Protein backbone atom coordinates (compact mmCIF):
# COMPACT_ATOMS: atom_id res chain seq x y z
CA MET A 1 18.80 -73.03 -183.76
CA LYS A 2 19.23 -69.73 -185.63
CA LYS A 3 15.46 -69.12 -185.57
CA ALA A 4 15.34 -69.64 -181.79
CA VAL A 5 18.23 -67.22 -181.25
CA LYS A 6 16.56 -64.58 -183.47
CA LEU A 7 13.25 -65.04 -181.65
CA LEU A 8 14.94 -64.65 -178.25
CA THR A 9 16.75 -61.55 -179.50
CA VAL A 10 13.48 -59.99 -180.68
CA ILE A 11 11.71 -60.85 -177.41
CA GLY A 12 14.62 -59.46 -175.40
CA ALA A 13 14.62 -56.24 -177.43
CA CYS A 14 10.86 -55.82 -176.90
CA VAL A 15 11.18 -56.33 -173.15
CA PHE A 16 14.10 -53.89 -173.01
CA LEU A 17 12.27 -51.23 -175.01
CA SER A 18 9.05 -51.53 -173.01
CA SER A 19 10.92 -51.25 -169.69
CA CYS A 20 12.77 -48.16 -170.95
CA ALA A 21 9.55 -46.52 -172.10
CA SER A 22 7.98 -46.97 -168.69
CA GLN A 23 10.79 -44.95 -167.11
CA GLU A 24 10.42 -42.05 -169.54
CA LYS A 25 9.66 -38.82 -167.69
CA VAL A 26 6.17 -37.40 -167.94
CA LYS A 27 5.04 -33.81 -167.48
CA VAL A 28 2.86 -33.37 -164.39
CA ALA A 29 1.29 -30.34 -162.74
CA PHE A 30 0.88 -29.69 -159.03
CA ARG A 31 -1.79 -27.14 -158.11
CA THR A 32 -2.27 -25.67 -154.65
CA LEU A 33 -5.44 -24.39 -152.99
CA PRO A 34 -6.50 -21.98 -151.69
CA LEU A 35 -5.25 -19.49 -154.23
CA GLY A 36 -2.79 -16.92 -153.00
CA ASP A 37 0.55 -17.50 -151.32
CA VAL A 38 3.41 -19.28 -153.10
CA ALA A 39 4.15 -22.79 -151.82
CA ASN A 40 7.50 -24.59 -151.86
CA ILE A 41 7.03 -28.09 -153.30
CA TYR A 42 9.10 -31.02 -152.01
CA ILE A 43 9.05 -34.39 -153.73
CA ASP A 44 10.51 -37.33 -151.82
CA ASP A 45 12.00 -34.82 -149.33
CA LYS A 46 13.81 -32.84 -152.05
CA LEU A 47 12.91 -29.20 -152.77
CA ILE A 48 11.76 -29.12 -156.39
CA GLY A 49 10.59 -25.53 -156.72
CA ALA A 50 7.88 -23.04 -155.86
CA THR A 51 4.43 -22.71 -157.31
CA ASP A 52 3.92 -19.91 -159.79
CA PHE A 53 0.30 -18.72 -159.80
CA ASN A 54 -0.50 -21.74 -157.58
CA GLN A 55 0.93 -24.24 -160.06
CA LEU A 56 4.22 -26.03 -160.64
CA ILE A 57 4.80 -28.07 -163.81
CA ILE A 58 7.70 -30.53 -163.84
CA ASP A 59 8.90 -33.75 -165.48
CA LEU A 60 8.90 -36.86 -163.27
CA LYS A 61 9.66 -40.52 -163.76
CA PRO A 62 6.67 -42.81 -163.23
CA GLY A 63 6.09 -44.22 -159.77
CA GLU A 64 4.85 -43.36 -156.31
CA ARG A 65 6.01 -40.06 -154.84
CA GLN A 66 5.58 -38.25 -151.53
CA VAL A 67 4.72 -34.60 -152.16
CA ARG A 68 4.73 -31.81 -149.58
CA ALA A 69 3.66 -28.18 -149.94
CA VAL A 70 5.15 -25.74 -147.42
CA THR A 71 3.83 -22.18 -147.14
CA THR A 72 4.20 -19.54 -144.43
CA GLY A 73 0.88 -19.18 -142.59
CA TYR A 74 -0.40 -22.59 -143.71
CA GLU A 75 -0.11 -26.08 -142.27
CA THR A 76 2.24 -28.32 -144.22
CA ALA A 77 0.18 -30.30 -146.73
CA GLU A 78 1.33 -33.79 -147.73
CA ILE A 79 -0.01 -36.15 -150.38
CA THR A 80 1.10 -39.40 -151.97
CA VAL A 81 0.81 -39.48 -155.76
CA HIS A 82 1.24 -42.18 -158.36
CA VAL A 83 2.72 -40.85 -161.59
CA LYS A 84 1.58 -43.06 -164.45
CA PRO A 85 3.84 -43.93 -167.39
CA LYS A 86 3.62 -41.83 -170.52
CA GLY A 87 0.49 -42.62 -172.47
CA GLU A 88 -1.38 -44.23 -169.56
CA ALA A 89 -2.76 -40.97 -168.17
CA SER A 90 -3.78 -37.89 -170.02
CA VAL A 91 -5.71 -34.78 -169.11
CA GLN A 92 -7.20 -32.12 -171.31
CA THR A 93 -4.94 -29.13 -170.87
CA PRO A 94 -5.71 -25.52 -171.66
CA ASN A 95 -3.48 -23.97 -174.34
CA ASN A 96 -2.09 -27.46 -175.07
CA ASN A 97 0.43 -27.30 -172.19
CA GLY A 98 1.13 -30.97 -172.70
CA TYR A 99 1.11 -32.26 -169.13
CA GLN A 100 -0.39 -35.68 -168.55
CA GLN A 101 -1.45 -35.60 -164.90
CA ILE A 102 -2.59 -32.94 -162.44
CA PHE A 103 -2.35 -33.33 -158.67
CA LEU A 104 -4.19 -31.02 -156.29
CA ILE A 105 -2.72 -30.07 -152.91
CA ASN A 106 -5.20 -28.53 -150.45
CA ARG A 107 -3.60 -26.33 -147.80
CA LYS A 108 -5.20 -25.22 -144.54
CA LYS A 109 -4.57 -21.90 -142.81
CA LYS A 110 -2.81 -22.13 -139.46
CA GLU A 111 -5.02 -21.19 -136.55
């Protein structure tokens, strides 16, 4: 009986740890095109910040997110992204910035 209890405890601990790891925030970058004007970035309808040199780097929990870039003189650009758990996605980053995923948001000029 003691062996079964220990085995269940170990299995439960492994499941708990793996589910916690999947919710660990990962560093992602949002880049906007064309280059130029600063864009306000909204994630799941919440203002997160503005792009600096057409890029915003933030920490997000894994999962699907709705992202919107709003800029004066441009149409609102919206994309759906899937942020992968830490270790599942990795990009080569200049200067070892350490972000794992990059998402590109293309904006169109208003006519």
